[in-house]
N, C-alpha and C. Protein backbone atom coordinates (compact mmCIF):
# COMPACT_ATOMS: atom_id res chain seq x y z
N UNK A 1 -58.46 71.42 -50.31
CA UNK A 1 -58.20 70.84 -49.06
C UNK A 1 -57.98 71.98 -48.06
N UNK A 2 -58.54 71.75 -46.98
CA UNK A 2 -58.46 72.81 -45.97
C UNK A 2 -57.16 72.70 -45.20
N UNK A 3 -56.87 73.74 -44.55
CA UNK A 3 -55.68 73.82 -43.73
C UNK A 3 -55.69 72.77 -42.63
N UNK A 4 -56.83 72.55 -42.11
CA UNK A 4 -56.99 71.55 -41.07
C UNK A 4 -56.70 70.17 -41.64
N UNK A 5 -57.17 69.93 -42.88
CA UNK A 5 -56.92 68.60 -43.50
C UNK A 5 -55.42 68.46 -43.77
N UNK A 6 -54.80 69.54 -44.20
CA UNK A 6 -53.36 69.48 -44.52
C UNK A 6 -52.59 69.23 -43.22
N UNK A 7 -52.96 69.92 -42.15
CA UNK A 7 -52.29 69.71 -40.87
C UNK A 7 -52.51 68.29 -40.34
N UNK A 8 -53.71 67.78 -40.52
CA UNK A 8 -54.08 66.43 -40.08
C UNK A 8 -53.24 65.43 -40.87
N UNK A 9 -53.14 65.70 -42.21
CA UNK A 9 -52.36 64.81 -43.06
C UNK A 9 -50.87 64.87 -42.68
N UNK A 10 -50.33 66.05 -42.41
CA UNK A 10 -48.94 66.20 -42.02
C UNK A 10 -48.72 65.46 -40.71
N UNK A 11 -49.64 65.63 -39.79
CA UNK A 11 -49.53 64.98 -38.48
C UNK A 11 -49.59 63.48 -38.63
N UNK A 12 -50.45 63.03 -39.50
CA UNK A 12 -50.61 61.59 -39.76
C UNK A 12 -49.35 61.03 -40.39
N UNK A 13 -48.80 61.76 -41.41
CA UNK A 13 -47.57 61.32 -42.05
C UNK A 13 -46.39 61.31 -41.06
N UNK A 14 -46.35 62.36 -40.27
CA UNK A 14 -45.28 62.47 -39.25
C UNK A 14 -45.41 61.30 -38.24
N UNK A 15 -46.64 60.98 -37.87
CA UNK A 15 -46.88 59.87 -36.95
C UNK A 15 -46.48 58.55 -37.57
N UNK A 16 -46.80 58.39 -38.86
CA UNK A 16 -46.45 57.17 -39.59
C UNK A 16 -44.94 57.04 -39.70
N UNK A 17 -44.26 58.15 -40.02
CA UNK A 17 -42.80 58.16 -40.10
C UNK A 17 -42.17 57.87 -38.73
N UNK A 18 -42.75 58.50 -37.69
CA UNK A 18 -42.24 58.29 -36.35
C UNK A 18 -42.36 56.82 -35.95
N UNK A 19 -43.55 56.19 -36.24
CA UNK A 19 -43.74 54.78 -35.92
C UNK A 19 -42.76 53.91 -36.71
N UNK A 20 -42.56 54.26 -38.01
CA UNK A 20 -41.68 53.47 -38.85
C UNK A 20 -40.22 53.58 -38.32
N UNK A 21 -39.84 54.84 -37.93
CA UNK A 21 -38.49 55.07 -37.38
C UNK A 21 -38.31 54.27 -36.07
N UNK A 22 -39.36 54.34 -35.21
CA UNK A 22 -39.31 53.60 -33.93
C UNK A 22 -39.25 52.08 -34.17
N UNK A 23 -40.01 51.59 -35.16
CA UNK A 23 -40.00 50.16 -35.45
C UNK A 23 -38.63 49.72 -35.97
N UNK A 24 -38.06 50.57 -36.90
CA UNK A 24 -36.72 50.26 -37.41
C UNK A 24 -35.68 50.30 -36.31
N UNK A 25 -35.79 51.34 -35.46
CA UNK A 25 -34.84 51.51 -34.33
C UNK A 25 -34.98 50.33 -33.34
N UNK A 26 -36.22 49.94 -33.11
CA UNK A 26 -36.48 48.81 -32.19
C UNK A 26 -35.92 47.52 -32.80
N UNK A 27 -36.17 47.29 -34.07
CA UNK A 27 -35.68 46.12 -34.77
C UNK A 27 -34.15 46.10 -34.80
N UNK A 28 -33.55 47.27 -35.08
CA UNK A 28 -32.11 47.38 -35.12
C UNK A 28 -31.50 47.14 -33.73
N UNK A 29 -32.19 47.69 -32.67
CA UNK A 29 -31.72 47.52 -31.30
C UNK A 29 -31.82 46.05 -30.92
N UNK A 30 -32.91 45.41 -31.34
CA UNK A 30 -33.10 43.98 -31.04
C UNK A 30 -32.03 43.17 -31.74
N UNK A 31 -31.75 43.46 -33.00
CA UNK A 31 -30.72 42.77 -33.77
C UNK A 31 -29.35 42.95 -33.13
N UNK A 32 -29.04 44.23 -32.75
CA UNK A 32 -27.76 44.49 -32.10
C UNK A 32 -27.68 43.77 -30.75
N UNK A 33 -28.75 43.75 -30.03
CA UNK A 33 -28.78 43.08 -28.74
C UNK A 33 -28.55 41.55 -28.92
N UNK A 34 -29.22 40.96 -29.88
CA UNK A 34 -29.04 39.51 -30.16
C UNK A 34 -27.57 39.26 -30.58
N UNK A 35 -27.04 40.14 -31.45
CA UNK A 35 -25.66 39.98 -31.88
C UNK A 35 -24.70 40.12 -30.68
N UNK A 36 -24.98 41.13 -29.83
CA UNK A 36 -24.12 41.33 -28.66
C UNK A 36 -24.21 40.14 -27.72
N UNK A 37 -25.42 39.60 -27.50
CA UNK A 37 -25.60 38.43 -26.65
C UNK A 37 -24.87 37.23 -27.22
N UNK A 38 -24.93 37.06 -28.56
CA UNK A 38 -24.23 35.95 -29.21
C UNK A 38 -22.73 36.11 -29.05
N UNK A 39 -22.20 37.33 -29.24
CA UNK A 39 -20.76 37.56 -29.11
C UNK A 39 -20.33 37.36 -27.66
N UNK A 40 -21.17 37.82 -26.72
CA UNK A 40 -20.86 37.62 -25.30
C UNK A 40 -20.81 36.14 -24.98
N UNK A 41 -21.78 35.39 -25.47
CA UNK A 41 -21.85 33.93 -25.20
C UNK A 41 -20.64 33.24 -25.82
N UNK A 42 -20.25 33.67 -27.07
CA UNK A 42 -19.06 33.08 -27.71
C UNK A 42 -17.79 33.38 -26.88
N UNK A 43 -17.70 34.63 -26.39
CA UNK A 43 -16.54 35.01 -25.58
C UNK A 43 -16.51 34.22 -24.26
N UNK A 44 -17.72 34.08 -23.65
CA UNK A 44 -17.81 33.28 -22.43
C UNK A 44 -17.37 31.82 -22.69
N UNK A 45 -17.85 31.26 -23.80
CA UNK A 45 -17.49 29.88 -24.17
C UNK A 45 -15.99 29.76 -24.41
N UNK A 46 -15.41 30.78 -25.11
CA UNK A 46 -13.94 30.78 -25.34
C UNK A 46 -13.16 30.84 -24.00
N UNK A 47 -13.63 31.78 -23.13
CA UNK A 47 -12.97 31.90 -21.84
C UNK A 47 -13.10 30.64 -20.99
N UNK A 48 -14.31 30.05 -21.00
CA UNK A 48 -14.49 28.82 -20.26
C UNK A 48 -13.63 27.68 -20.80
N UNK A 49 -13.55 27.55 -22.12
CA UNK A 49 -12.70 26.53 -22.78
C UNK A 49 -11.24 26.76 -22.44
N UNK A 50 -10.79 28.01 -22.52
CA UNK A 50 -9.40 28.31 -22.21
C UNK A 50 -9.10 28.00 -20.73
N UNK A 51 -10.03 28.41 -19.84
CA UNK A 51 -9.85 28.15 -18.44
C UNK A 51 -9.87 26.63 -18.16
N UNK A 52 -10.75 25.92 -18.84
CA UNK A 52 -10.83 24.47 -18.70
C UNK A 52 -9.52 23.84 -19.11
N UNK A 53 -8.92 24.28 -20.22
CA UNK A 53 -7.63 23.74 -20.68
C UNK A 53 -6.52 24.09 -19.70
N UNK A 54 -6.56 25.33 -19.12
CA UNK A 54 -5.57 25.72 -18.15
C UNK A 54 -5.65 24.82 -16.92
N UNK A 55 -6.89 24.58 -16.47
CA UNK A 55 -7.12 23.75 -15.29
C UNK A 55 -6.65 22.31 -15.57
N UNK A 56 -7.02 21.78 -16.76
CA UNK A 56 -6.59 20.42 -17.11
C UNK A 56 -5.08 20.33 -17.16
N UNK A 57 -4.43 21.36 -17.75
CA UNK A 57 -2.96 21.35 -17.81
C UNK A 57 -2.38 21.41 -16.37
N UNK A 58 -2.94 22.20 -15.52
CA UNK A 58 -2.49 22.31 -14.11
C UNK A 58 -2.68 20.99 -13.40
N UNK A 59 -3.83 20.34 -13.60
CA UNK A 59 -4.09 19.07 -12.98
C UNK A 59 -3.08 18.01 -13.47
N UNK A 60 -2.82 17.98 -14.80
CA UNK A 60 -1.85 17.05 -15.36
C UNK A 60 -0.44 17.31 -14.79
N UNK A 61 -0.08 18.57 -14.67
CA UNK A 61 1.22 18.92 -14.11
C UNK A 61 1.34 18.46 -12.66
N UNK A 62 0.29 18.69 -11.86
CA UNK A 62 0.32 18.29 -10.47
C UNK A 62 0.30 16.76 -10.33
N UNK A 63 -0.41 16.10 -11.23
CA UNK A 63 -0.43 14.65 -11.19
C UNK A 63 0.98 14.10 -11.54
N UNK A 64 1.61 14.71 -12.53
CA UNK A 64 2.96 14.27 -12.94
C UNK A 64 3.94 14.50 -11.77
N UNK A 65 3.82 15.68 -11.12
CA UNK A 65 4.67 15.95 -9.96
C UNK A 65 4.44 14.95 -8.83
N UNK A 66 3.15 14.64 -8.58
CA UNK A 66 2.83 13.70 -7.52
C UNK A 66 3.37 12.32 -7.85
N UNK A 67 3.22 11.94 -9.12
CA UNK A 67 3.71 10.61 -9.57
C UNK A 67 5.24 10.55 -9.43
N UNK A 68 5.89 11.63 -9.87
CA UNK A 68 7.36 11.68 -9.74
C UNK A 68 7.80 11.63 -8.28
N UNK A 69 7.10 12.40 -7.46
CA UNK A 69 7.43 12.44 -6.05
C UNK A 69 7.18 11.06 -5.39
N UNK A 70 6.08 10.41 -5.76
CA UNK A 70 5.79 9.11 -5.17
C UNK A 70 6.79 8.09 -5.67
N UNK A 71 7.24 8.19 -6.93
CA UNK A 71 8.29 7.27 -7.43
C UNK A 71 9.58 7.49 -6.67
N UNK A 72 9.92 8.77 -6.43
CA UNK A 72 11.12 9.08 -5.67
C UNK A 72 11.00 8.51 -4.28
N UNK A 73 9.82 8.69 -3.66
CA UNK A 73 9.60 8.17 -2.30
C UNK A 73 9.67 6.64 -2.31
N UNK A 74 9.06 6.01 -3.33
CA UNK A 74 9.10 4.55 -3.40
C UNK A 74 10.52 4.07 -3.61
N UNK A 75 11.29 4.77 -4.43
CA UNK A 75 12.70 4.44 -4.60
C UNK A 75 13.47 4.53 -3.32
N UNK A 76 13.19 5.59 -2.55
CA UNK A 76 13.87 5.76 -1.26
C UNK A 76 13.49 4.64 -0.30
N UNK A 77 12.21 4.27 -0.28
CA UNK A 77 11.74 3.18 0.61
C UNK A 77 12.35 1.84 0.15
N UNK A 78 12.43 1.63 -1.18
CA UNK A 78 13.03 0.40 -1.70
C UNK A 78 14.48 0.34 -1.27
N UNK A 79 15.24 1.45 -1.42
CA UNK A 79 16.64 1.47 -1.03
C UNK A 79 16.80 1.17 0.45
N UNK A 80 15.97 1.81 1.29
CA UNK A 80 16.03 1.57 2.73
C UNK A 80 15.72 0.12 3.06
N UNK A 81 14.70 -0.44 2.37
CA UNK A 81 14.31 -1.82 2.60
C UNK A 81 15.41 -2.80 2.20
N UNK A 82 16.03 -2.55 1.04
CA UNK A 82 17.12 -3.42 0.60
C UNK A 82 18.33 -3.30 1.55
N UNK A 83 18.61 -2.07 2.00
CA UNK A 83 19.70 -1.91 2.98
C UNK A 83 19.41 -2.64 4.30
N UNK A 84 18.16 -2.53 4.75
CA UNK A 84 17.76 -3.25 5.96
C UNK A 84 17.86 -4.77 5.76
N UNK A 85 17.42 -5.21 4.59
CA UNK A 85 17.54 -6.64 4.26
C UNK A 85 19.00 -7.07 4.22
N UNK A 86 19.85 -6.23 3.64
CA UNK A 86 21.25 -6.52 3.58
C UNK A 86 21.86 -6.65 5.00
N UNK A 87 21.49 -5.73 5.90
CA UNK A 87 21.97 -5.81 7.28
C UNK A 87 21.53 -7.11 7.94
N UNK A 88 20.26 -7.45 7.75
CA UNK A 88 19.70 -8.67 8.35
C UNK A 88 20.34 -9.92 7.75
N UNK A 89 20.56 -9.92 6.43
CA UNK A 89 21.23 -11.06 5.79
C UNK A 89 22.67 -11.20 6.27
N UNK A 90 23.35 -10.07 6.44
CA UNK A 90 24.72 -10.09 6.95
C UNK A 90 24.72 -10.72 8.33
N UNK A 91 23.79 -10.31 9.16
CA UNK A 91 23.70 -10.86 10.51
C UNK A 91 23.41 -12.35 10.48
N UNK A 92 22.46 -12.77 9.60
CA UNK A 92 22.13 -14.19 9.48
C UNK A 92 23.31 -15.00 8.93
N UNK A 93 24.03 -14.39 7.95
CA UNK A 93 25.20 -15.07 7.40
C UNK A 93 26.24 -15.34 8.48
N UNK A 94 26.52 -14.32 9.29
CA UNK A 94 27.53 -14.51 10.33
C UNK A 94 27.06 -15.50 11.39
N UNK A 95 25.75 -15.46 11.72
CA UNK A 95 25.20 -16.40 12.69
C UNK A 95 25.36 -17.85 12.13
N UNK A 96 25.04 -18.01 10.84
CA UNK A 96 25.12 -19.34 10.20
C UNK A 96 26.60 -19.81 10.18
N UNK A 97 27.49 -18.90 9.78
CA UNK A 97 28.92 -19.26 9.71
C UNK A 97 29.42 -19.67 11.07
N UNK A 98 29.06 -18.90 12.12
CA UNK A 98 29.61 -19.16 13.46
C UNK A 98 29.15 -20.52 14.02
N UNK A 99 28.04 -21.04 13.58
CA UNK A 99 27.55 -22.33 14.07
C UNK A 99 28.52 -23.45 13.73
N UNK A 100 29.09 -23.42 12.52
CA UNK A 100 30.09 -24.41 12.11
C UNK A 100 31.16 -23.70 11.31
N UNK A 101 31.84 -22.80 12.00
CA UNK A 101 32.75 -21.84 11.36
C UNK A 101 33.82 -22.51 10.48
N UNK A 102 34.58 -23.39 11.05
CA UNK A 102 35.70 -24.03 10.29
C UNK A 102 35.15 -24.85 9.13
N UNK A 103 34.10 -25.58 9.34
CA UNK A 103 33.51 -26.41 8.30
C UNK A 103 32.99 -25.51 7.14
N UNK A 104 32.32 -24.41 7.49
CA UNK A 104 31.76 -23.50 6.48
C UNK A 104 32.90 -22.89 5.67
N UNK A 105 33.96 -22.43 6.35
CA UNK A 105 35.11 -21.81 5.66
C UNK A 105 35.81 -22.84 4.74
N UNK A 106 35.89 -24.07 5.23
CA UNK A 106 36.52 -25.15 4.41
C UNK A 106 35.73 -25.34 3.12
N UNK A 107 34.39 -25.47 3.23
CA UNK A 107 33.56 -25.65 2.04
C UNK A 107 33.71 -24.47 1.08
N UNK A 108 33.71 -23.25 1.63
CA UNK A 108 33.87 -22.08 0.77
C UNK A 108 35.18 -22.14 0.00
N UNK A 109 36.26 -22.42 0.67
CA UNK A 109 37.58 -22.47 0.02
C UNK A 109 37.65 -23.63 -1.00
N UNK A 110 37.11 -24.77 -0.62
CA UNK A 110 37.17 -25.95 -1.52
C UNK A 110 36.43 -25.67 -2.83
N UNK A 111 35.36 -24.89 -2.77
CA UNK A 111 34.62 -24.55 -4.00
C UNK A 111 35.42 -23.64 -4.93
N UNK A 112 36.42 -22.93 -4.38
CA UNK A 112 37.13 -21.94 -5.19
C UNK A 112 38.59 -22.23 -5.46
N UNK A 113 39.16 -23.20 -4.75
CA UNK A 113 40.53 -23.59 -4.99
C UNK A 113 40.61 -24.29 -6.32
N UNK A 114 41.52 -23.87 -7.21
CA UNK A 114 41.64 -24.42 -8.54
C UNK A 114 42.71 -25.54 -8.59
N UNK A 115 43.90 -25.17 -8.23
CA UNK A 115 45.03 -26.12 -8.40
C UNK A 115 45.51 -26.78 -7.12
N UNK A 116 45.19 -26.21 -5.98
CA UNK A 116 45.62 -26.77 -4.71
C UNK A 116 46.96 -26.28 -4.24
N UNK A 117 47.53 -25.29 -4.98
CA UNK A 117 48.81 -24.75 -4.49
C UNK A 117 48.77 -23.21 -4.38
N UNK A 118 47.57 -22.67 -4.17
CA UNK A 118 47.39 -21.22 -4.04
C UNK A 118 47.88 -20.78 -2.65
N UNK A 119 48.06 -19.48 -2.51
CA UNK A 119 48.31 -18.86 -1.21
C UNK A 119 46.98 -18.47 -0.63
N UNK A 120 46.81 -18.73 0.64
CA UNK A 120 45.56 -18.31 1.31
C UNK A 120 45.92 -17.14 2.24
N UNK A 121 45.32 -15.99 1.93
CA UNK A 121 45.44 -14.79 2.79
C UNK A 121 44.14 -14.67 3.54
N UNK A 122 44.26 -14.21 4.79
CA UNK A 122 43.08 -14.07 5.64
C UNK A 122 42.94 -12.68 6.19
N UNK A 123 41.70 -12.28 6.41
CA UNK A 123 41.46 -11.03 7.09
C UNK A 123 41.63 -11.30 8.61
N UNK A 124 41.82 -10.26 9.42
CA UNK A 124 42.19 -10.44 10.82
C UNK A 124 41.34 -11.44 11.61
N UNK A 125 40.02 -11.40 11.45
CA UNK A 125 39.15 -12.28 12.26
C UNK A 125 39.45 -13.75 11.92
N UNK A 126 39.53 -14.02 10.60
CA UNK A 126 39.79 -15.40 10.16
C UNK A 126 41.19 -15.83 10.55
N UNK A 127 42.17 -14.91 10.45
CA UNK A 127 43.54 -15.24 10.79
C UNK A 127 43.64 -15.60 12.29
N UNK A 128 42.91 -14.85 13.12
CA UNK A 128 42.93 -15.12 14.57
C UNK A 128 42.22 -16.44 14.88
N UNK A 129 41.11 -16.68 14.23
CA UNK A 129 40.29 -17.87 14.56
C UNK A 129 40.82 -19.14 13.86
N UNK A 130 41.38 -19.00 12.66
CA UNK A 130 41.80 -20.18 11.90
C UNK A 130 43.35 -20.22 11.75
N UNK A 131 43.87 -19.18 11.20
CA UNK A 131 45.32 -19.03 11.04
C UNK A 131 45.99 -20.09 10.17
N UNK A 132 47.29 -20.18 10.36
CA UNK A 132 48.14 -21.04 9.53
C UNK A 132 47.83 -22.52 9.75
N UNK A 133 47.44 -22.90 10.97
CA UNK A 133 47.11 -24.32 11.21
C UNK A 133 45.96 -24.80 10.34
N UNK A 134 44.98 -23.90 10.01
CA UNK A 134 43.87 -24.23 9.14
C UNK A 134 44.37 -24.58 7.74
N UNK A 135 45.35 -23.84 7.25
CA UNK A 135 45.90 -24.09 5.92
C UNK A 135 46.60 -25.49 5.92
N UNK A 136 47.35 -25.81 6.97
CA UNK A 136 48.00 -27.12 7.10
C UNK A 136 46.96 -28.24 7.15
N UNK A 137 45.89 -28.01 7.86
CA UNK A 137 44.84 -29.03 7.98
C UNK A 137 44.18 -29.27 6.62
N UNK A 138 43.92 -28.22 5.87
CA UNK A 138 43.32 -28.38 4.52
C UNK A 138 44.29 -29.16 3.60
N UNK A 139 45.58 -28.88 3.73
CA UNK A 139 46.56 -29.61 2.93
C UNK A 139 46.53 -31.09 3.26
N UNK A 140 46.51 -31.40 4.54
CA UNK A 140 46.51 -32.80 4.98
C UNK A 140 45.27 -33.52 4.55
N UNK A 141 44.12 -32.92 4.74
CA UNK A 141 42.83 -33.56 4.45
C UNK A 141 42.54 -33.70 2.93
N UNK A 142 43.09 -32.80 2.12
CA UNK A 142 42.76 -32.75 0.71
C UNK A 142 43.95 -32.98 -0.23
N UNK A 143 45.09 -33.33 0.36
CA UNK A 143 46.28 -33.57 -0.41
C UNK A 143 46.63 -32.35 -1.29
N UNK A 144 46.55 -31.15 -0.66
CA UNK A 144 46.88 -29.90 -1.36
C UNK A 144 48.27 -29.45 -0.97
N UNK A 145 48.72 -28.43 -1.63
CA UNK A 145 49.99 -27.78 -1.31
C UNK A 145 49.75 -26.26 -1.17
N UNK A 146 48.72 -25.96 -0.39
CA UNK A 146 48.38 -24.54 -0.15
C UNK A 146 49.44 -23.89 0.71
N UNK A 147 49.55 -22.59 0.56
CA UNK A 147 50.55 -21.84 1.33
C UNK A 147 49.82 -20.75 2.16
N UNK A 148 50.39 -20.55 3.34
CA UNK A 148 49.86 -19.46 4.17
C UNK A 148 50.43 -18.18 3.60
N UNK A 149 49.49 -17.25 3.21
CA UNK A 149 49.91 -16.00 2.63
C UNK A 149 50.17 -14.92 3.64
N UNK A 150 49.32 -14.89 4.64
CA UNK A 150 49.46 -13.87 5.67
C UNK A 150 48.13 -13.22 6.01
N UNK A 151 48.22 -12.06 6.69
CA UNK A 151 47.01 -11.35 7.14
C UNK A 151 46.85 -10.09 6.30
N UNK A 152 45.62 -9.85 5.87
CA UNK A 152 45.29 -8.65 5.15
C UNK A 152 44.78 -7.66 6.20
N UNK A 153 45.47 -6.54 6.31
CA UNK A 153 45.18 -5.57 7.37
C UNK A 153 43.96 -4.75 7.06
N UNK A 154 42.82 -5.36 7.23
CA UNK A 154 41.53 -4.65 7.09
C UNK A 154 40.56 -5.26 8.12
N UNK A 155 40.54 -4.73 9.34
CA UNK A 155 39.73 -5.34 10.41
C UNK A 155 38.22 -5.25 10.17
N UNK A 156 37.77 -4.41 9.26
CA UNK A 156 36.34 -4.29 9.03
C UNK A 156 35.83 -5.36 8.03
N UNK A 157 36.74 -6.09 7.39
CA UNK A 157 36.36 -7.08 6.39
C UNK A 157 36.54 -8.47 6.97
N UNK A 158 35.81 -9.42 6.38
CA UNK A 158 35.90 -10.83 6.78
C UNK A 158 36.08 -11.68 5.55
N UNK A 159 36.81 -12.81 5.69
CA UNK A 159 36.94 -13.74 4.59
C UNK A 159 38.37 -14.02 4.19
N UNK A 160 38.56 -14.35 2.90
CA UNK A 160 39.85 -14.82 2.39
C UNK A 160 40.16 -14.20 1.05
N UNK A 161 41.43 -14.29 0.66
CA UNK A 161 41.88 -13.96 -0.69
C UNK A 161 42.79 -15.08 -1.13
N UNK A 162 42.48 -15.69 -2.28
CA UNK A 162 43.36 -16.72 -2.86
C UNK A 162 44.24 -16.07 -3.89
N UNK A 163 45.56 -16.36 -3.84
CA UNK A 163 46.50 -15.79 -4.78
C UNK A 163 47.34 -16.86 -5.41
N UNK A 164 47.64 -16.66 -6.72
CA UNK A 164 48.51 -17.53 -7.43
C UNK A 164 49.10 -16.81 -8.66
N UNK A 165 50.40 -16.79 -8.77
CA UNK A 165 51.08 -16.19 -9.91
C UNK A 165 50.56 -14.76 -10.22
N UNK A 166 50.50 -13.93 -9.26
CA UNK A 166 50.09 -12.54 -9.49
C UNK A 166 48.60 -12.32 -9.61
N UNK A 167 47.83 -13.37 -9.63
CA UNK A 167 46.35 -13.23 -9.74
C UNK A 167 45.77 -13.49 -8.35
N UNK A 168 44.69 -12.79 -8.08
CA UNK A 168 44.05 -12.99 -6.78
C UNK A 168 42.53 -13.12 -6.93
N UNK A 169 41.95 -13.89 -6.06
CA UNK A 169 40.51 -14.12 -6.10
C UNK A 169 39.99 -13.80 -4.68
N UNK A 170 39.12 -12.79 -4.58
CA UNK A 170 38.63 -12.35 -3.28
C UNK A 170 37.39 -13.14 -2.88
N UNK A 171 37.46 -13.68 -1.67
CA UNK A 171 36.32 -14.42 -1.11
C UNK A 171 35.91 -13.75 0.20
N UNK A 172 35.63 -12.47 0.16
CA UNK A 172 35.15 -11.80 1.36
C UNK A 172 33.69 -12.11 1.55
N UNK A 173 33.26 -12.14 2.82
CA UNK A 173 31.86 -12.45 3.10
C UNK A 173 30.95 -11.36 2.53
N UNK A 174 31.43 -10.11 2.53
CA UNK A 174 30.62 -9.02 1.97
C UNK A 174 30.45 -9.20 0.45
N UNK A 175 31.52 -9.70 -0.25
CA UNK A 175 31.42 -9.94 -1.67
C UNK A 175 30.46 -11.10 -1.95
N UNK A 176 30.48 -12.12 -1.10
CA UNK A 176 29.58 -13.27 -1.29
C UNK A 176 28.14 -12.77 -1.14
N UNK A 177 27.90 -11.93 -0.13
CA UNK A 177 26.57 -11.39 0.11
C UNK A 177 26.14 -10.46 -1.03
N UNK A 178 27.07 -9.62 -1.51
CA UNK A 178 26.78 -8.73 -2.66
C UNK A 178 26.39 -9.55 -3.89
N UNK A 179 27.16 -10.60 -4.12
CA UNK A 179 26.87 -11.47 -5.28
C UNK A 179 25.51 -12.10 -5.18
N UNK A 180 25.15 -12.58 -3.96
CA UNK A 180 23.82 -13.17 -3.74
C UNK A 180 22.72 -12.12 -4.00
N UNK A 181 22.93 -10.91 -3.47
CA UNK A 181 21.92 -9.86 -3.63
C UNK A 181 21.77 -9.46 -5.11
N UNK A 182 22.92 -9.36 -5.84
CA UNK A 182 22.85 -8.98 -7.25
C UNK A 182 22.10 -10.04 -8.05
N UNK A 183 22.43 -11.32 -7.79
CA UNK A 183 21.77 -12.41 -8.54
C UNK A 183 20.28 -12.51 -8.23
N UNK A 184 19.89 -12.08 -7.06
CA UNK A 184 18.49 -12.22 -6.63
C UNK A 184 17.77 -10.93 -6.41
N UNK A 185 18.38 -9.83 -6.86
CA UNK A 185 17.80 -8.49 -6.60
C UNK A 185 16.38 -8.35 -7.12
N UNK A 186 16.12 -8.75 -8.36
CA UNK A 186 14.77 -8.55 -8.91
C UNK A 186 13.73 -9.37 -8.13
N UNK A 187 14.08 -10.61 -7.78
CA UNK A 187 13.14 -11.44 -7.00
C UNK A 187 12.93 -10.85 -5.61
N UNK A 188 14.00 -10.36 -4.98
CA UNK A 188 13.90 -9.76 -3.63
C UNK A 188 13.01 -8.55 -3.69
N UNK A 189 13.25 -7.61 -4.64
CA UNK A 189 12.45 -6.40 -4.74
C UNK A 189 11.00 -6.76 -5.05
N UNK A 190 10.84 -7.72 -5.95
CA UNK A 190 9.47 -8.17 -6.31
C UNK A 190 8.71 -8.69 -5.10
N UNK A 191 9.39 -9.51 -4.29
CA UNK A 191 8.75 -10.05 -3.10
C UNK A 191 8.51 -8.97 -2.02
N UNK A 192 9.46 -8.07 -1.87
CA UNK A 192 9.29 -6.99 -0.87
C UNK A 192 8.19 -6.05 -1.25
N UNK A 193 8.04 -5.74 -2.52
CA UNK A 193 7.09 -4.73 -2.96
C UNK A 193 5.98 -5.29 -3.86
N UNK A 194 5.57 -6.53 -3.56
CA UNK A 194 4.54 -7.17 -4.33
C UNK A 194 3.28 -6.32 -4.24
N UNK A 195 2.68 -5.99 -5.37
CA UNK A 195 1.45 -5.23 -5.42
C UNK A 195 1.64 -3.71 -5.38
N UNK A 196 2.88 -3.24 -5.22
CA UNK A 196 3.16 -1.80 -5.18
C UNK A 196 3.60 -1.38 -6.55
N UNK A 197 2.78 -0.53 -7.20
CA UNK A 197 3.13 -0.03 -8.53
C UNK A 197 2.89 1.43 -8.65
N UNK A 198 3.62 2.03 -9.59
CA UNK A 198 3.42 3.44 -9.92
C UNK A 198 3.49 3.63 -11.38
């Protein structure tokens, strides 16, 4: 074999080895690139999933805060509405009482007198408007033995207190209204806030 053939053969072998190395390197680079792309996509998916969960948690937290705040606001509105209703009912109660004051007070006391010999105490307004003569009139009309107890020094209150043997029964107009509101609170709130839910 001639030197030229040997050199041609060496060149050919070297070229074959170079092509094989390039093919292996290209294949390895392609494999690494695919692996890197897969890892990058997995990392992107993980990050997106984590971010999605963070956003969902933030949305849930904000919704819970909004719900709590709206419940607080609704509670405040309900309280204001019930207070306004109470003021209006108080006004209506006094308007109703004033139309037939003595008759209304007589009915109220007759419903609560037990034995007919209680002491009747009055708050200043009732004492001024009805007084001791009212107690005598009730005794005469109903064959009672009621006693005039006196005046309870509380000008901001209205109504009566019945006393007998150390026991007392309060018949203030505010207590009557409170009792009405307590007995009817759920119906009142239901009617005031019909269709409002949280």
